[in-house]
C-alpha atoms as a PDB file:
ATOM      1  CA  MET A   1     111.941  81.226 100.600  1.00  0.00           C
ATOM      2  CA  ARG A   2     114.310  83.912  99.344  1.00  0.00           C
ATOM      3  CA  LYS A   3     112.652  87.156  98.342  1.00  0.00           C
ATOM      4  CA  SER A   4     113.369  88.369  94.826  1.00  0.00           C
ATOM      5  CA  ARG A   5     115.053  91.705  94.331  1.00  0.00           C
ATOM      6  CA  PHE A   6     112.553  92.403  91.551  1.00  0.00           C
ATOM      7  CA  THR A   7     108.849  93.071  92.021  1.00  0.00           C
ATOM      8  CA  GLU A   8     106.232  91.454  89.837  1.00  0.00           C
ATOM      9  CA  GLU A   9     105.788  94.739  87.972  1.00  0.00           C
ATOM     10  CA  GLN A  10     109.511  94.915  87.232  1.00  0.00           C
ATOM     11  CA  ILE A  11     109.575  91.298  86.080  1.00  0.00           C
ATOM     12  CA  ILE A  12     106.697  91.925  83.669  1.00  0.00           C
ATOM     13  CA  ALA A  13     108.514  94.997  82.324  1.00  0.00           C
ATOM     14  CA  ILE A  14     111.683  92.935  81.774  1.00  0.00           C
ATOM     15  CA  LEU A  15     109.705  90.266  79.916  1.00  0.00           C
ATOM     16  CA  ALA A  16     108.069  92.980  77.800  1.00  0.00           C
ATOM     17  CA  GLU A  17     111.508  94.229  76.728  1.00  0.00           C
ATOM     18  CA  GLN A  18     112.286  90.827  75.270  1.00  0.00           C
ATOM     19  CA  GLU A  19     108.896  90.702  73.553  1.00  0.00           C
ATOM     20  CA  ARG A  20     109.607  94.074  71.908  1.00  0.00           C
ATOM     21  CA  GLY A  21     112.560  92.598  70.072  1.00  0.00           C
ATOM     22  CA  LEU A  22     115.634  92.581  72.300  1.00  0.00           C
ATOM     23  CA  THR A  23     117.476  89.296  72.537  1.00  0.00           C
ATOM     24  CA  THR A  24     117.152  87.258  75.702  1.00  0.00           C
ATOM     25  CA  ALA A  25     120.895  87.486  76.331  1.00  0.00           C
ATOM     26  CA  GLU A  26     120.815  91.298  76.067  1.00  0.00           C
ATOM     27  CA  VAL A  27     117.877  91.589  78.462  1.00  0.00           C
ATOM     28  CA  CYS A  28     119.555  89.261  80.955  1.00  0.00           C
ATOM     29  CA  ARG A  29     122.836  91.155  80.757  1.00  0.00           C
ATOM     30  CA  ARG A  30     121.116  94.537  81.127  1.00  0.00           C
ATOM     31  CA  HIS A  31     119.251  93.512  84.288  1.00  0.00           C
ATOM     32  CA  GLY A  32     121.871  91.195  85.802  1.00  0.00           C
ATOM     33  CA  ILE A  33     119.843  88.002  85.723  1.00  0.00           C
ATOM     34  CA  SER A  34     120.617  84.544  84.397  1.00  0.00           C
ATOM     35  CA  SER A  35     118.903  82.911  81.442  1.00  0.00           C
ATOM     36  CA  PRO A  36     117.294  80.200  83.604  1.00  0.00           C
ATOM     37  CA  THR A  37     115.836  82.917  85.829  1.00  0.00           C
ATOM     38  CA  PHE A  38     114.471  84.728  82.782  1.00  0.00           C
ATOM     39  CA  TYR A  39     112.806  81.596  81.440  1.00  0.00           C
ATOM     40  CA  LYS A  40     111.406  80.722  84.893  1.00  0.00           C
ATOM     41  CA  TRP A  41     109.853  84.197  85.036  1.00  0.00           C
ATOM     42  CA  LYS A  42     108.554  83.799  81.493  1.00  0.00           C
ATOM     43  CA  ALA A  43     106.863  80.525  82.442  1.00  0.00           C
ATOM     44  CA  LYS A  44     105.206  82.132  85.459  1.00  0.00           C
ATOM     45  CA  PHE A  45     104.476  85.676  84.255  1.00  0.00           C
ATOM     46  CA  GLY A  46     104.513  85.371  80.460  1.00  0.00           C
ATOM     47  CA  GLY A  47     101.581  87.176  78.850  1.00  0.00           C
ATOM     48  CA  MET A  48     100.476  88.788  82.114  1.00  0.00           C
ATOM     49  CA  GLU A  49      99.685  92.405  82.728  1.00  0.00           C
ATOM     50  CA  VAL A  50     100.572  94.150  85.970  1.00  0.00           C
ATOM     51  CA  SER A  51      96.986  93.889  87.232  1.00  0.00           C
ATOM     52  CA  ASP A  52      97.019  90.129  86.603  1.00  0.00           C
ATOM     53  CA  ALA A  53     100.211  89.785  88.648  1.00  0.00           C
ATOM     54  CA  ARG A  54      98.655  91.703  91.531  1.00  0.00           C
ATOM     55  CA  LYS A  55      95.596  89.449  91.454  1.00  0.00           C
ATOM     56  CA  LEU A  56      97.864  86.384  91.409  1.00  0.00           C
ATOM     57  CA  LYS A  57      99.774  87.634  94.435  1.00  0.00           C
ATOM     58  CA  THR A  58      96.603  88.349  96.425  1.00  0.00           C
ATOM     59  CA  LEU A  59      95.228  84.898  95.568  1.00  0.00           C
ATOM     60  CA  GLU A  60      98.496  83.229  96.600  1.00  0.00           C
ATOM     61  CA  ASP A  61      98.465  85.132  99.917  1.00  0.00           C
ATOM     62  CA  GLU A  62      94.844  84.172 100.561  1.00  0.00           C
ATOM     63  CA  ASN A  63      95.586  80.543  99.685  1.00  0.00           C
ATOM     64  CA  ARG A  64      98.536  80.495 102.104  1.00  0.00           C
ATOM     65  CA  ARG A  65      96.341  81.967 104.869  1.00  0.00           C
ATOM     66  CA  LEU A  66      93.557  79.437 104.264  1.00  0.00           C
ATOM     67  CA  LYS A  67      96.003  76.516 104.290  1.00  0.00           C
ATOM     68  CA  LYS A  68      97.316  77.715 107.639  1.00  0.00           C
ATOM     69  CA  LEU A  69      93.781  77.945 109.054  1.00  0.00           C
ATOM     70  CA  LEU A  70      92.995  74.442 107.797  1.00  0.00           C
ATOM     71  CA  ALA A  71      96.149  73.012 109.356  1.00  0.00           C
ATOM     72  CA  GLU A  72      95.325  74.626 112.705  1.00  0.00           C
ATOM     73  CA  ALA A  73      91.743  73.310 112.577  1.00  0.00           C
ATOM     74  CA  MET A  74      92.962  69.804 111.757  1.00  0.00           C
ATOM     75  CA  LEU A  75      95.399  69.979 114.674  1.00  0.00           C
ATOM     76  CA  ASP A  76      92.581  71.046 117.017  1.00  0.00           C
ATOM     77  CA  VAL A  77      90.441  68.124 115.841  1.00  0.00           C
ATOM     78  CA  ALA A  78      93.305  65.682 116.358  1.00  0.00           C
ATOM     79  CA  VAL A  79      93.904  66.976 119.885  1.00  0.00           C
ATOM     80  CA  LEU A  80      90.198  66.724 120.749  1.00  0.00           C
ATOM     81  CA  LYS A  81      90.024  63.170 119.397  1.00  0.00           C
ATOM     82  CA  ASP A  82      93.066  62.265 121.457  1.00  0.00           C
ATOM     83  CA  VAL A  83      91.584  63.745 124.644  1.00  0.00           C
ATOM     84  CA  LEU A  84      88.207  62.094 124.092  1.00  0.00           C
ATOM     85  CA  GLY A  85      89.822  58.790 123.255  1.00  0.00           C
ATOM     86  CA  LYS A  86      91.636  58.655 126.612  1.00  0.00           C
ATOM     87  CA  ASN A  87      88.425  59.014 128.628  1.00  0.00           C
END
């Protein structure tokens, strides 16, 4: 997945600019982003504070790590079943 050139903190600051009264088009032009990108960010980060975004990122990282561990454990179980089934 492509990494964004903006951090979560920067995205929240950009969304806050629009909430303070600037038009969406002006905010997009100022930061060099497209309107669909702005609205995608608003759907994901709208109403968040910086601390909330950090918590979200840590939870997503932990979730990714746990999914990887589960997949490895399931693979180990499948291999063991296969070996025991051949005997």
